[in-house]
């Protein structure tokens, strides 16, 4: 029984790695696309995405401000579960810390399980880390992650991937090779999308349904991960095409409406120039060791103290060099 549970836990970890890598590739697509747009247009076009923090431009765990292309930096990446109220009360469906080394151009990516039981800073309770955003938004999430890992969080990027549909529509849809026949629900009330094996052109709503479907896939999360990568590659190919480049203005407007960050327009542009060549092979995934527990009937992931300390030390070694 224990061996079976161990195998199941390993499979969950593998599928989580795949999902988080997909999320990061989407973020990279957005940042590169946005940075490319800024290369052709005035910086103030990105002002709608910029949202500073009340703490200012420096984490309390930093002695001085950092420069995005000269110093090692950390970026907290948040994918919000519910944007029905503009994301104000949504939970973080995905939460990751990316550290970037300007010398090696390497990215270390630490995935924080959404059900991790941690101290919620500013709330005075232990709860799932996903709830920090629902309690206190971006600032409480950042403060909670800093306290949990004892590392500075320099920047954050908060993404609403519902907006990704608008980008797909703007570029005229994408073509993917559907691996098998299936039907998936769409976010249109009562809507369903039918997919047939072979090449298909998908609009934004269909692409999102295609990427999200899991229950009808015999490979579960592994199959869904492969389909998400298909969508990303197809979208990147379209954006980088001649016709896609002509639409950067409109694409950037959709991106600006669906991303929030404390990276200033000039910093976004600098990041794009410095790291546009970064590929998935440059990303090293990191994860916690821990156990699954139920406390008062509620499921939590409990990271081990040793794992938290080890990861904190490894990240700090990058950020303080």
Protein backbone atom coordinates (compact mmCIF):
# COMPACT_ATOMS: atom_id res chain seq x y z
CA UNK A 1 0.00 0.00 0.00
CA UNK A 2 2.82 2.38 0.92
CA UNK A 3 4.61 1.65 -2.37
CA UNK A 4 1.42 2.40 -4.31
CA UNK A 5 0.98 5.71 -2.46
CA UNK A 6 4.62 6.57 -3.15
CA UNK A 7 4.18 5.89 -6.88
CA UNK A 8 1.02 8.01 -6.95
CA UNK A 9 2.84 10.85 -5.19
CA UNK A 10 5.69 10.69 -7.72
CA UNK A 11 3.20 10.78 -10.60
CA UNK A 12 1.50 13.83 -9.05
CA UNK A 13 4.87 15.56 -8.73
CA UNK A 14 5.74 14.82 -12.37
CA UNK A 15 2.41 16.13 -13.63
CA UNK A 16 2.82 19.22 -11.43
CA UNK A 17 6.26 19.87 -12.95
CA UNK A 18 4.75 19.66 -16.42
CA UNK A 19 1.91 22.02 -15.57
CA UNK A 20 4.21 24.57 -13.96
CA UNK A 21 6.65 24.43 -16.87
CA UNK A 22 3.74 25.10 -19.21
CA UNK A 23 2.74 28.08 -17.09
CA UNK A 24 6.25 29.49 -17.19
CA UNK A 25 6.46 29.12 -20.95
CA UNK A 26 3.21 31.06 -21.23
CA UNK A 27 4.62 33.80 -19.01
CA UNK A 28 7.78 33.90 -21.13
CA UNK A 29 5.62 34.19 -24.25
CA UNK A 30 3.75 37.11 -22.74
CA UNK A 31 6.86 38.93 -21.52
CA UNK A 32 8.75 38.44 -24.78
CA UNK A 33 5.75 39.54 -26.81
CA UNK A 34 5.23 42.54 -24.59
CA UNK A 35 8.90 43.48 -24.69
CA UNK A 36 8.98 43.16 -28.47
CA UNK A 37 5.99 45.46 -28.69
CA UNK A 38 7.71 48.02 -26.49
CA UNK A 39 10.64 48.00 -28.88
CA UNK A 40 8.34 49.56 -31.49
CA UNK A 41 6.17 51.74 -29.32
CA UNK A 42 6.28 54.24 -26.50
CA UNK A 43 6.91 52.85 -23.02
CA UNK A 44 3.78 54.40 -21.61
CA UNK A 45 1.75 51.81 -23.54
CA UNK A 46 2.58 49.39 -20.71
CA UNK A 47 1.43 51.66 -17.92
CA UNK A 48 -1.87 49.79 -17.60
CA UNK A 49 -0.01 46.68 -16.45
CA UNK A 50 2.26 48.38 -13.94
CA UNK A 51 1.21 48.21 -10.31
CA UNK A 52 3.74 49.23 -7.68
CA UNK A 53 3.87 47.92 -4.13
CA UNK A 54 3.33 49.95 -0.99
CA UNK A 55 6.77 48.87 0.24
CA UNK A 56 8.38 50.67 -2.71
CA UNK A 57 10.88 49.20 -5.13
CA UNK A 58 12.96 47.23 -2.61
CA UNK A 59 12.19 44.16 -0.53
CA UNK A 60 12.84 44.53 3.20
CA UNK A 61 15.22 41.59 2.82
CA UNK A 62 17.42 43.55 0.42
CA UNK A 63 20.06 46.06 1.46
CA UNK A 64 19.75 47.93 -1.85
CA UNK A 65 17.55 47.98 -4.93
CA UNK A 66 18.39 45.54 -7.70
CA UNK A 67 18.82 46.16 -11.44
CA UNK A 68 16.97 43.64 -13.61
CA UNK A 69 19.81 42.90 -16.05
CA UNK A 70 22.80 43.37 -13.73
CA UNK A 71 21.81 41.65 -10.50
CA UNK A 72 20.33 38.23 -9.75
CA UNK A 73 16.61 38.77 -9.24
CA UNK A 74 13.56 36.87 -8.06
CA UNK A 75 10.12 37.02 -9.64
CA UNK A 76 7.01 35.67 -7.97
CA UNK A 77 4.67 34.30 -10.65
CA UNK A 78 1.00 34.11 -9.75
CA UNK A 79 -1.80 32.57 -11.75
CA UNK A 80 -5.12 33.66 -10.31
CA UNK A 81 -7.98 31.19 -10.14
CA UNK A 82 -10.92 33.60 -10.20
CA UNK A 83 -10.87 36.82 -12.19
CA UNK A 84 -14.61 37.40 -11.97
CA UNK A 85 -13.90 40.37 -9.69
CA UNK A 86 -10.74 41.50 -11.39
CA UNK A 87 -8.70 38.96 -9.44
CA UNK A 88 -9.11 40.82 -6.18
CA UNK A 89 -10.53 37.88 -4.26
CA UNK A 90 -9.13 35.02 -6.31
CA UNK A 91 -6.78 32.37 -4.98
CA UNK A 92 -3.42 31.61 -6.55
CA UNK A 93 -3.97 28.51 -8.63
CA UNK A 94 -0.28 28.54 -9.54
CA UNK A 95 2.50 30.02 -7.43
CA UNK A 96 6.18 29.92 -8.37
CA UNK A 97 9.39 31.70 -7.57
CA UNK A 98 11.78 32.20 -10.48
CA UNK A 99 15.35 33.31 -9.84
CA UNK A 100 17.36 34.64 -12.78
CA UNK A 101 21.15 34.75 -12.91
CA UNK A 102 22.35 37.45 -15.35
CA UNK A 103 25.79 35.85 -15.72
CA UNK A 104 24.69 32.32 -16.65
CA UNK A 105 21.25 33.25 -18.08
CA UNK A 106 19.93 30.31 -16.06
CA UNK A 107 16.51 30.28 -14.41
CA UNK A 108 15.72 28.30 -11.28
CA UNK A 109 12.04 27.69 -10.78
CA UNK A 110 10.60 26.71 -7.43
CA UNK A 111 7.01 25.51 -7.55
CA UNK A 112 5.06 26.08 -4.34
CA UNK A 113 2.15 23.64 -4.04
CA UNK A 114 -1.05 25.64 -3.63
CA UNK A 115 -2.12 23.53 -0.63
CA UNK A 116 1.13 24.13 1.31
CA UNK A 117 0.33 24.92 4.94
CA UNK A 118 2.24 28.07 5.92
CA UNK A 119 1.99 31.11 8.16
CA UNK A 120 -0.13 33.73 6.40
CA UNK A 121 1.65 37.03 7.15
CA UNK A 122 -0.80 39.75 8.12
CA UNK A 123 -3.52 37.24 8.95
CA UNK A 124 -1.90 35.54 11.92
CA UNK A 125 -2.99 32.03 10.99
CA UNK A 126 -1.62 28.91 9.35
CA UNK A 127 -3.50 28.11 6.17
CA UNK A 128 -3.04 27.04 2.57
CA UNK A 129 -0.71 29.43 0.80
CA UNK A 130 -3.24 29.74 -2.04
CA UNK A 131 -5.54 31.64 0.36
CA UNK A 132 -3.05 34.45 0.99
CA UNK A 133 -4.17 36.27 -2.15
CA UNK A 134 -7.83 35.88 -1.25
CA UNK A 135 -7.13 37.36 2.20
CA UNK A 136 -4.85 40.21 1.23
CA UNK A 137 -4.05 40.26 -2.47
CA UNK A 138 -0.62 40.62 -4.02
CA UNK A 139 1.14 42.20 -1.03
CA UNK A 140 0.02 39.55 1.47
CA UNK A 141 1.07 36.82 -0.96
CA UNK A 142 4.52 38.34 -1.41
CA UNK A 143 4.98 38.86 2.33
CA UNK A 144 3.88 35.28 3.01
CA UNK A 145 6.29 33.81 0.45
CA UNK A 146 9.18 35.94 1.75
CA UNK A 147 8.49 34.80 5.30
CA UNK A 148 8.08 31.15 4.26
CA UNK A 149 11.31 30.94 2.24
CA UNK A 150 13.30 33.74 3.89
CA UNK A 151 14.26 35.17 0.50
CA UNK A 152 13.60 38.59 -1.06
CA UNK A 153 10.88 38.77 -3.70
CA UNK A 154 11.99 41.55 -6.03
CA UNK A 155 9.23 41.45 -8.62
CA UNK A 156 5.92 39.79 -9.28
CA UNK A 157 3.91 38.93 -12.36
CA UNK A 158 0.21 38.19 -11.95
CA UNK A 159 -1.47 36.64 -14.96
CA UNK A 160 -5.04 36.08 -16.04
CA UNK A 161 -4.78 33.42 -18.71
CA UNK A 162 -8.37 33.93 -19.73
CA UNK A 163 -6.87 36.82 -21.68
CA UNK A 164 -4.77 34.35 -23.62
CA UNK A 165 -7.92 33.57 -25.61
CA UNK A 166 -7.97 37.15 -26.90
CA UNK A 167 -4.37 36.80 -28.09
CA UNK A 168 -5.21 33.58 -29.96
CA UNK A 169 -8.16 35.29 -31.64
CA UNK A 170 -6.04 38.33 -32.50
CA UNK A 171 -3.47 36.22 -34.36
CA UNK A 172 -6.22 34.47 -36.32
CA UNK A 173 -6.27 31.24 -34.34
CA UNK A 174 -3.76 28.42 -34.18
CA UNK A 175 -3.41 25.05 -35.87
CA UNK A 176 -2.74 21.97 -33.75
CA UNK A 177 -2.57 18.25 -34.46
CA UNK A 178 -5.35 16.76 -32.33
CA UNK A 179 -4.23 13.33 -31.03
CA UNK A 180 -7.70 11.75 -30.70
CA UNK A 181 -11.41 12.58 -30.90
CA UNK A 182 -12.98 14.19 -27.84
CA UNK A 183 -15.51 16.75 -26.65
CA UNK A 184 -14.60 19.48 -24.15
CA UNK A 185 -16.63 22.09 -22.34
CA UNK A 186 -15.99 25.73 -23.11
CA UNK A 187 -16.53 28.79 -20.93
CA UNK A 188 -19.43 29.86 -23.12
CA UNK A 189 -22.62 28.99 -21.19
CA UNK A 190 -23.79 25.59 -22.37
CA UNK A 191 -20.95 25.51 -24.85
CA UNK A 192 -19.07 22.44 -26.01
CA UNK A 193 -16.24 22.10 -28.46
CA UNK A 194 -15.74 18.98 -30.56
CA UNK A 195 -12.23 17.96 -31.53
CA UNK A 196 -11.40 15.39 -34.20
CA UNK A 197 -8.10 13.63 -34.72
CA UNK A 198 -5.77 15.43 -37.11
CA UNK A 199 -4.92 19.08 -37.87
CA UNK A 200 -7.50 21.61 -36.65
CA UNK A 201 -7.60 25.39 -36.57
CA UNK A 202 -8.77 26.64 -33.17
CA UNK A 203 -10.01 30.02 -32.05
CA UNK A 204 -9.27 31.37 -28.56
CA UNK A 205 -12.19 29.69 -26.78
CA UNK A 206 -11.47 26.35 -28.46
CA UNK A 207 -7.74 26.61 -27.75
CA UNK A 208 -8.37 27.14 -24.05
CA UNK A 209 -10.80 24.20 -23.92
CA UNK A 210 -8.29 22.07 -25.84
CA UNK A 211 -5.50 22.92 -23.41
CA UNK A 212 -7.58 22.41 -20.26
CA UNK A 213 -9.28 19.09 -20.99
CA UNK A 214 -8.06 16.27 -18.73
CA UNK A 215 -10.83 13.79 -17.87
CA UNK A 216 -11.26 12.44 -21.41
CA UNK A 217 -7.52 12.03 -21.97
CA UNK A 218 -6.27 8.48 -21.34
CA UNK A 219 -2.97 9.99 -20.25
CA UNK A 220 -4.58 12.43 -17.82
CA UNK A 221 -2.35 15.36 -16.81
CA UNK A 222 0.50 14.10 -18.99
CA UNK A 223 -1.70 14.31 -22.09
CA UNK A 224 -3.02 17.70 -21.08
CA UNK A 225 0.53 18.97 -20.63
CA UNK A 226 1.46 17.88 -24.16
CA UNK A 227 -1.59 19.65 -25.58
CA UNK A 228 -0.76 22.82 -23.66
CA UNK A 229 2.73 22.75 -25.15
CA UNK A 230 1.17 22.37 -28.59
CA UNK A 231 -0.89 25.50 -28.00
CA UNK A 232 2.14 27.45 -26.76
CA UNK A 233 4.33 26.45 -29.71
CA UNK A 234 1.60 27.20 -32.22
CA UNK A 235 0.95 30.61 -30.62
CA UNK A 236 4.64 31.48 -30.56
CA UNK A 237 4.98 30.51 -34.22
CA UNK A 238 2.05 32.74 -35.15
CA UNK A 239 3.26 35.71 -33.07
CA UNK A 240 6.75 35.51 -34.57
CA UNK A 241 5.44 35.28 -38.15
CA UNK A 242 5.38 38.35 -40.36
CA UNK A 243 1.61 38.71 -39.96
CA UNK A 244 1.91 38.27 -36.20
CA UNK A 245 4.52 40.99 -35.92
CA UNK A 246 2.16 43.33 -37.73
CA UNK A 247 -0.38 42.73 -34.96
CA UNK A 248 1.95 43.38 -32.01
CA UNK A 249 0.10 46.59 -31.22
CA UNK A 250 -3.25 44.82 -30.74
CA UNK A 251 -1.65 41.79 -29.08
CA UNK A 252 0.07 44.02 -26.54
CA UNK A 253 -3.24 45.68 -25.69
CA UNK A 254 -4.73 42.27 -24.82
CA UNK A 255 -1.65 41.42 -22.80
CA UNK A 256 -1.78 44.74 -20.99
CA UNK A 257 -5.35 44.04 -19.93
CA UNK A 258 -4.49 40.64 -18.48
CA UNK A 259 -1.18 41.03 -16.72
CA UNK A 260 -0.20 42.95 -13.58
CA UNK A 261 3.38 43.49 -12.50
CA UNK A 262 5.67 45.82 -10.60
CA UNK A 263 8.17 45.57 -13.45
CA UNK A 264 8.30 49.00 -15.03
CA UNK A 265 8.00 49.31 -18.83
CA UNK A 266 11.71 50.06 -19.15
CA UNK A 267 12.53 46.98 -17.04
CA UNK A 268 10.25 44.78 -19.16
CA UNK A 269 12.03 45.95 -22.27
CA UNK A 270 15.44 45.36 -20.69
CA UNK A 271 14.43 41.84 -19.63
CA UNK A 272 13.20 41.06 -23.13
CA UNK A 273 16.48 42.17 -24.67
CA UNK A 274 18.61 40.32 -22.13
CA UNK A 275 16.70 37.04 -21.91
CA UNK A 276 14.82 36.62 -25.19
CA UNK A 277 17.05 33.64 -26.01
CA UNK A 278 16.17 31.73 -22.84
CA UNK A 279 14.56 28.36 -23.62
CA UNK A 280 13.04 25.61 -21.52
CA UNK A 281 16.48 23.95 -21.37
CA UNK A 282 17.68 26.92 -19.31
CA UNK A 283 15.02 26.35 -16.66
CA UNK A 284 15.81 24.13 -13.69
CA UNK A 285 12.79 22.97 -11.71
CA UNK A 286 12.93 22.72 -7.93
CA UNK A 287 10.40 21.24 -5.54
CA UNK A 288 9.67 20.61 -1.90
CA UNK A 289 9.75 17.34 -0.04
CA UNK A 290 6.74 16.91 2.18
CA UNK A 291 3.77 14.87 3.21
CA UNK A 292 0.05 14.88 2.53
CA UNK A 293 -1.99 15.42 5.69
CA UNK A 294 -5.56 16.08 6.75
CA UNK A 295 -6.02 18.52 9.61
CA UNK A 296 -9.56 18.98 10.94
CA UNK A 297 -10.78 17.26 7.81
CA UNK A 298 -8.95 19.63 5.44
CA UNK A 299 -6.20 18.45 3.07
CA UNK A 300 -2.80 20.15 3.28
CA UNK A 301 0.66 19.62 1.87
CA UNK A 302 3.21 19.89 4.69
CA UNK A 303 6.73 20.75 3.43
CA UNK A 304 9.50 19.33 5.59
CA UNK A 305 11.59 21.82 7.57
CA UNK A 306 14.74 20.35 6.02
CA UNK A 307 13.41 20.86 2.49
CA UNK A 308 12.38 24.47 3.15
CA UNK A 309 15.76 25.26 4.71
CA UNK A 310 17.70 23.63 1.87
CA UNK A 311 15.74 25.40 -0.87
CA UNK A 312 15.98 28.72 0.95
CA UNK A 313 19.75 28.35 1.19
CA UNK A 314 20.06 27.44 -2.50
CA UNK A 315 17.98 30.41 -3.66
CA UNK A 316 19.69 32.86 -1.35
CA UNK A 317 23.05 31.71 -2.70
CA UNK A 318 21.91 32.94 -6.13
CA UNK A 319 20.23 36.14 -5.00
CA UNK A 320 23.05 37.37 -2.76
CA UNK A 321 26.05 36.70 -5.01
